[in-house]
Protein backbone atom coordinates (compact mmCIF):
# COMPACT_ATOMS: atom_id res chain seq x y z
CA MET A 1 3.66 32.82 -11.41
CA ILE A 2 2.38 30.86 -14.39
CA VAL A 3 3.69 27.29 -14.73
CA THR A 4 2.97 25.20 -17.83
CA ARG A 5 4.25 21.82 -18.96
CA PHE A 6 4.72 19.55 -21.97
CA ALA A 7 4.24 15.88 -21.13
CA PRO A 8 4.85 13.46 -24.03
CA SER A 9 5.00 9.68 -23.85
CA PRO A 10 8.28 8.20 -25.16
CA THR A 11 6.64 5.71 -27.51
CA GLY A 12 7.96 7.34 -30.68
CA ARG A 13 9.61 10.48 -32.02
CA LEU A 14 7.84 13.83 -31.90
CA HIS A 15 5.85 15.03 -34.91
CA LEU A 16 4.41 18.40 -35.94
CA GLY A 17 1.40 18.02 -33.66
CA HIS A 18 3.74 17.59 -30.69
CA ALA A 19 5.72 20.62 -31.83
CA TYR A 20 2.55 22.71 -31.77
CA SER A 21 1.62 21.55 -28.24
CA ALA A 22 5.12 22.11 -26.90
CA LEU A 23 5.48 25.54 -28.50
CA PHE A 24 2.01 26.57 -27.31
CA ALA A 25 2.78 25.72 -23.67
CA TRP A 26 6.29 27.18 -23.89
CA HIS A 27 5.03 30.51 -25.26
CA LYS A 28 2.31 30.69 -22.61
CA ALA A 29 4.93 30.42 -19.88
CA ARG A 30 7.72 32.47 -21.38
CA ASP A 31 5.48 35.33 -22.55
CA ALA A 32 4.26 35.70 -18.96
CA GLY A 33 7.71 35.34 -17.38
CA GLY A 34 6.79 31.95 -15.96
CA ASN A 35 8.19 28.44 -15.88
CA PHE A 36 7.89 25.73 -18.51
CA LEU A 37 8.33 22.12 -17.39
CA LEU A 38 9.10 18.93 -19.27
CA ARG A 39 7.57 15.71 -17.99
CA ILE A 40 8.02 12.25 -19.48
CA GLU A 41 4.90 10.10 -19.17
CA ASP A 42 6.57 6.69 -19.22
CA ILE A 43 4.34 4.53 -17.05
CA ASP A 44 3.69 2.12 -19.91
CA ARG A 45 7.03 0.34 -19.66
CA ALA A 46 6.13 -2.12 -22.42
CA ARG A 47 5.90 0.62 -25.06
CA CYS A 48 8.23 3.35 -23.77
CA ARG A 49 11.84 3.48 -24.93
CA GLU A 50 14.84 5.38 -23.55
CA ALA A 51 15.93 6.24 -27.08
CA PHE A 52 12.68 8.15 -27.52
CA VAL A 53 13.27 10.09 -24.29
CA ALA A 54 16.59 11.29 -25.67
CA GLY A 55 14.88 12.03 -28.99
CA ILE A 56 12.23 14.18 -27.30
CA GLU A 57 14.85 16.32 -25.60
CA GLU A 58 16.87 16.56 -28.84
CA ASP A 59 13.81 17.69 -30.83
CA LEU A 60 12.81 20.31 -28.26
CA ARG A 61 16.29 21.79 -28.10
CA TRP A 62 16.40 21.90 -31.90
CA LEU A 63 13.16 23.90 -31.87
CA GLY A 64 14.71 26.33 -29.39
CA ILE A 65 12.54 25.17 -26.48
CA ASP A 66 14.17 25.17 -23.05
CA TRP A 67 12.66 23.99 -19.78
CA ASP A 68 13.02 24.74 -16.09
CA GLY A 69 14.23 22.33 -13.44
CA ASP A 70 14.62 18.58 -13.66
CA VAL A 71 12.60 16.43 -16.03
CA ARG A 72 9.98 14.46 -14.09
CA ARG A 73 9.79 10.79 -15.09
CA GLN A 74 6.55 9.14 -14.08
CA SER A 75 8.24 5.75 -13.79
CA GLU A 76 10.28 7.14 -10.89
CA HIS A 77 7.24 8.21 -8.86
CA PHE A 78 4.99 5.17 -8.51
CA PRO A 79 4.58 5.73 -4.73
CA ASP A 80 2.89 9.09 -5.44
CA TYR A 81 0.19 7.37 -7.48
CA ARG A 82 -0.19 4.54 -5.00
CA ALA A 83 -0.77 7.06 -2.21
CA ALA A 84 -3.52 8.73 -4.25
CA LEU A 85 -5.15 5.35 -4.98
CA ASP A 86 -5.01 4.48 -1.29
CA ARG A 87 -6.87 7.68 -0.42
CA LEU A 88 -9.58 6.94 -2.96
CA GLU A 89 -9.86 3.32 -1.80
CA ALA A 90 -10.21 4.53 1.79
CA GLN A 91 -13.20 6.59 0.62
CA GLY A 92 -14.79 3.49 -0.91
CA LEU A 93 -14.59 4.92 -4.41
CA ILE A 94 -12.45 2.29 -6.18
CA TYR A 95 -13.51 -1.16 -7.36
CA PRO A 96 -11.85 -3.93 -9.40
CA CYS A 97 -13.18 -4.50 -12.92
CA PHE A 98 -12.56 -7.82 -14.66
CA CYS A 99 -14.07 -6.90 -18.03
CA THR A 100 -12.03 -7.01 -21.23
CA ARG A 101 -12.36 -4.34 -23.92
CA ALA A 102 -14.41 -6.82 -25.92
CA ASP A 103 -16.75 -7.34 -22.96
CA ILE A 104 -17.27 -3.59 -22.65
CA ALA A 105 -17.82 -3.11 -26.38
CA ARG A 106 -20.54 -5.79 -26.34
CA ALA A 107 -22.26 -4.36 -23.27
CA ALA A 108 -22.08 -0.66 -24.14
CA SER A 109 -22.92 1.48 -27.12
CA ALA A 110 -20.81 4.32 -28.49
CA PRO A 111 -20.78 6.54 -31.59
CA HIS A 112 -18.71 5.25 -34.48
CA GLY A 113 -15.01 5.79 -33.74
CA ALA A 114 -15.56 6.64 -30.07
CA GLU A 115 -14.51 4.57 -27.10
CA ALA A 116 -17.39 2.76 -25.43
CA ILE A 117 -18.42 4.10 -22.02
CA TYR A 118 -18.04 1.43 -19.35
CA PRO A 119 -21.55 0.26 -18.34
CA GLY A 120 -20.66 -0.57 -14.72
CA THR A 121 -20.74 -4.37 -15.10
CA CYS A 122 -18.43 -5.07 -12.14
CA ARG A 123 -19.48 -2.18 -9.94
CA ASP A 124 -21.89 -4.21 -7.84
CA LEU A 125 -19.88 -7.43 -7.48
CA GLY A 126 -19.76 -8.50 -3.85
CA PRO A 127 -16.50 -8.49 -1.86
CA ASP A 128 -16.34 -12.30 -1.79
CA GLU A 129 -16.66 -12.55 -5.59
CA ARG A 130 -14.05 -9.86 -6.09
CA ARG A 131 -11.66 -11.63 -3.72
CA ARG A 132 -12.26 -14.98 -5.39
CA ARG A 133 -11.42 -13.65 -8.84
CA ILE A 134 -8.34 -11.77 -7.69
CA GLU A 135 -7.00 -14.79 -5.78
CA ALA A 136 -7.59 -16.89 -8.90
CA GLY A 137 -5.23 -14.60 -10.80
CA ALA A 138 -7.82 -12.81 -12.92
CA THR A 139 -6.65 -9.71 -14.77
CA TYR A 140 -8.39 -6.58 -13.54
CA ALA A 141 -8.41 -2.80 -13.63
CA LEU A 142 -9.20 -0.43 -10.79
CA ARG A 143 -12.07 1.88 -11.70
CA LEU A 144 -13.40 5.01 -10.05
CA ASP A 145 -17.06 4.88 -9.07
CA VAL A 146 -17.73 8.26 -10.67
CA GLU A 147 -21.36 8.65 -9.63
CA ARG A 148 -20.57 7.94 -5.99
CA ALA A 149 -17.53 10.22 -6.16
CA PHE A 150 -19.52 13.06 -7.72
CA ASP A 151 -22.23 12.66 -5.09
CA ARG A 152 -19.51 13.11 -2.48
CA THR A 153 -18.00 16.27 -3.95
CA GLY A 154 -21.16 17.95 -5.16
CA PRO A 155 -21.16 20.38 -8.13
CA LEU A 156 -17.76 21.37 -9.49
CA ASP A 157 -16.50 23.73 -12.15
CA TRP A 158 -13.23 24.71 -13.78
CA VAL A 159 -11.85 27.54 -15.88
CA ASP A 160 -10.87 27.19 -19.51
CA GLU A 161 -9.04 30.22 -20.91
CA GLY A 162 -10.99 29.99 -24.15
CA LEU A 163 -14.43 29.10 -22.78
CA GLY A 164 -14.58 30.64 -19.33
CA THR A 165 -16.11 28.77 -16.43
CA VAL A 166 -17.15 25.22 -17.31
CA GLU A 167 -19.50 23.13 -15.20
CA ALA A 168 -17.89 19.74 -14.54
CA ASN A 169 -19.68 16.67 -15.85
CA PRO A 170 -17.47 13.68 -15.01
CA LEU A 171 -20.38 11.30 -15.53
CA ALA A 172 -19.91 11.75 -19.30
CA LEU A 173 -16.87 9.44 -19.25
CA GLY A 174 -18.30 6.80 -16.94
CA ASP A 175 -16.24 4.83 -14.41
CA VAL A 176 -12.75 5.48 -15.76
CA VAL A 177 -9.74 3.25 -15.13
CA LEU A 178 -7.28 4.65 -12.58
CA ALA A 179 -4.84 1.72 -12.49
CA ARG A 180 -4.41 -1.85 -13.67
CA LYS A 181 -3.13 -5.00 -12.03
CA ASP A 182 0.29 -4.52 -13.64
CA THR A 183 0.24 -0.73 -14.12
CA PRO A 184 0.30 1.58 -11.08
CA ALA A 185 -1.69 4.44 -12.61
CA SER A 186 -3.66 5.42 -15.68
CA TYR A 187 -3.29 8.68 -17.53
CA HIS A 188 -6.16 10.24 -15.56
CA LEU A 189 -4.64 9.60 -12.14
CA ALA A 190 -0.99 10.18 -13.00
CA VAL A 191 -1.49 13.47 -14.82
CA THR A 192 -3.68 14.85 -12.04
CA VAL A 193 -1.19 13.94 -9.33
CA ASP A 194 1.80 15.16 -11.36
CA ASP A 195 0.28 18.54 -12.16
CA ALA A 196 -0.36 19.12 -8.46
CA ILE A 197 3.11 18.01 -7.36
CA GLN A 198 4.75 20.17 -10.02
CA SER A 199 2.58 23.21 -9.13
CA VAL A 200 1.29 23.54 -12.69
CA THR A 201 -1.03 26.56 -12.87
CA LEU A 202 -2.07 26.29 -16.54
CA VAL A 203 -2.64 22.94 -18.23
CA THR A 204 -2.41 23.31 -22.01
CA ARG A 205 -3.46 20.42 -24.20
CA ALA A 206 -5.47 19.62 -27.31
CA ARG A 207 -9.25 19.75 -27.54
CA ASP A 208 -9.52 15.98 -27.86
CA LEU A 209 -8.74 15.79 -24.12
CA PHE A 210 -11.50 18.22 -23.12
CA LEU A 211 -13.73 15.50 -21.64
CA ALA A 212 -10.83 14.13 -19.60
CA THR A 213 -10.63 17.46 -17.77
CA HIS A 214 -14.03 16.78 -16.17
CA ILE A 215 -12.59 13.64 -14.57
CA HIS A 216 -9.40 15.40 -13.52
CA ARG A 217 -11.40 18.13 -11.82
CA LEU A 218 -13.28 15.44 -9.88
CA LEU A 219 -10.03 13.76 -8.82
CA GLN A 220 -8.63 17.09 -7.65
CA ALA A 221 -11.64 17.59 -5.41
CA LEU A 222 -11.47 14.06 -3.99
CA LEU A 223 -7.72 14.32 -3.30
CA ASP A 224 -7.74 17.93 -2.04
CA LEU A 225 -5.40 19.06 -4.83
CA PRO A 226 -4.97 22.59 -6.18
CA VAL A 227 -7.02 23.48 -9.25
CA PRO A 228 -5.16 24.97 -12.24
CA HIS A 229 -6.67 26.71 -15.23
CA TRP A 230 -6.83 24.91 -18.58
CA HIS A 231 -6.45 25.92 -22.20
CA HIS A 232 -7.59 23.35 -24.74
CA HIS A 233 -5.91 24.38 -27.97
CA LYS A 234 -6.76 23.32 -31.49
CA LEU A 235 -5.64 20.02 -32.97
CA LEU A 236 -3.06 20.45 -35.69
CA THR A 237 -4.11 18.53 -38.81
CA ASP A 238 -2.63 17.62 -42.17
CA GLU A 239 -3.84 18.82 -45.58
CA GLU A 240 -6.65 16.24 -45.49
CA GLY A 241 -7.85 17.44 -42.11
CA LYS A 242 -6.49 14.40 -40.30
CA ARG A 243 -4.76 14.92 -36.98
CA PHE A 244 -1.07 14.09 -36.70
CA ALA A 245 -0.61 10.85 -34.79
CA LYS A 246 2.16 8.32 -34.10
CA ARG A 247 -0.10 5.43 -35.02
CA ASP A 248 -0.55 6.92 -38.49
CA ARG A 249 3.22 7.30 -38.87
CA ALA A 250 3.07 11.06 -39.13
CA MET A 251 6.36 12.52 -40.37
CA THR A 252 8.58 13.08 -37.36
CA LEU A 253 10.56 16.19 -36.53
CA ALA A 254 13.73 14.12 -36.90
CA GLU A 255 12.70 13.18 -40.44
CA MET A 256 11.85 16.79 -41.23
CA ARG A 257 15.23 17.89 -39.89
CA ALA A 258 17.02 15.26 -41.97
CA ALA A 259 15.16 16.53 -45.05
CA GLY A 260 16.53 20.03 -44.47
CA THR A 261 13.57 21.65 -42.71
CA THR A 262 14.67 24.40 -40.32
CA PRO A 263 13.28 25.11 -36.83
CA ASN A 264 11.80 28.38 -38.11
CA GLU A 265 9.99 26.50 -40.87
CA VAL A 266 8.55 24.06 -38.33
CA ARG A 267 7.36 27.00 -36.22
CA ALA A 268 5.75 28.52 -39.30
CA LEU A 269 4.01 25.24 -40.14
CA ALA A 270 2.71 25.08 -36.59
CA GLY A 271 1.59 28.70 -36.75
CA LEU A 272 3.70 29.58 -33.74
């Protein structure tokens, strides 16, 4: 049976781009007689708000979207992510990184507007130096040694419904962060673990997360997790071709509703 999910972060109200993603996943499940799940990705406790969780559920119900089972809250499942980190640490694939974003930007190059790929500055620090910095209270992130991990798994691939079989290339993202000193899991680790626990069979998300899938496929192999299919759908954009985003204060569904827009009109705008 097909199982899809919609997994927003409660850092603001939903906008039209979210509506498209939610409707896309919901239709994929319902049209096949499967299950559609709602997950709240609220690990970032500094930015997440309970009012936005309620707003997400309100907006989805207004659109006519229902979901199956209980809503999974990432903040309630930290032990699941810790267990995954422990397995990776036991394989010698995790190391502490003490670099700031500014350090990485200076040491690495990236195309304009793209995030710099981590150059591996802290990868070869000795155990004594790592221990000294941690005991001194230095801020650090836990990174995956992607090259070593990929050497361990060997070649991998995954299936995208639009592209067919894709050869995995996790090296393209470098040594990604899997957790931080004060945050138990990054997006990469949490979403991979959650999809496995929730038995998601089809991961639907926008094309801007295509590269992340290469890392998630690697994590699945390292953690012996089931491998779903993926469908990377288009990014919904405004009249100027700019993607809808919270940081740009895109008009929210709540604001559209208050202005008299109907659910059917939102569906039409989303093309679903």
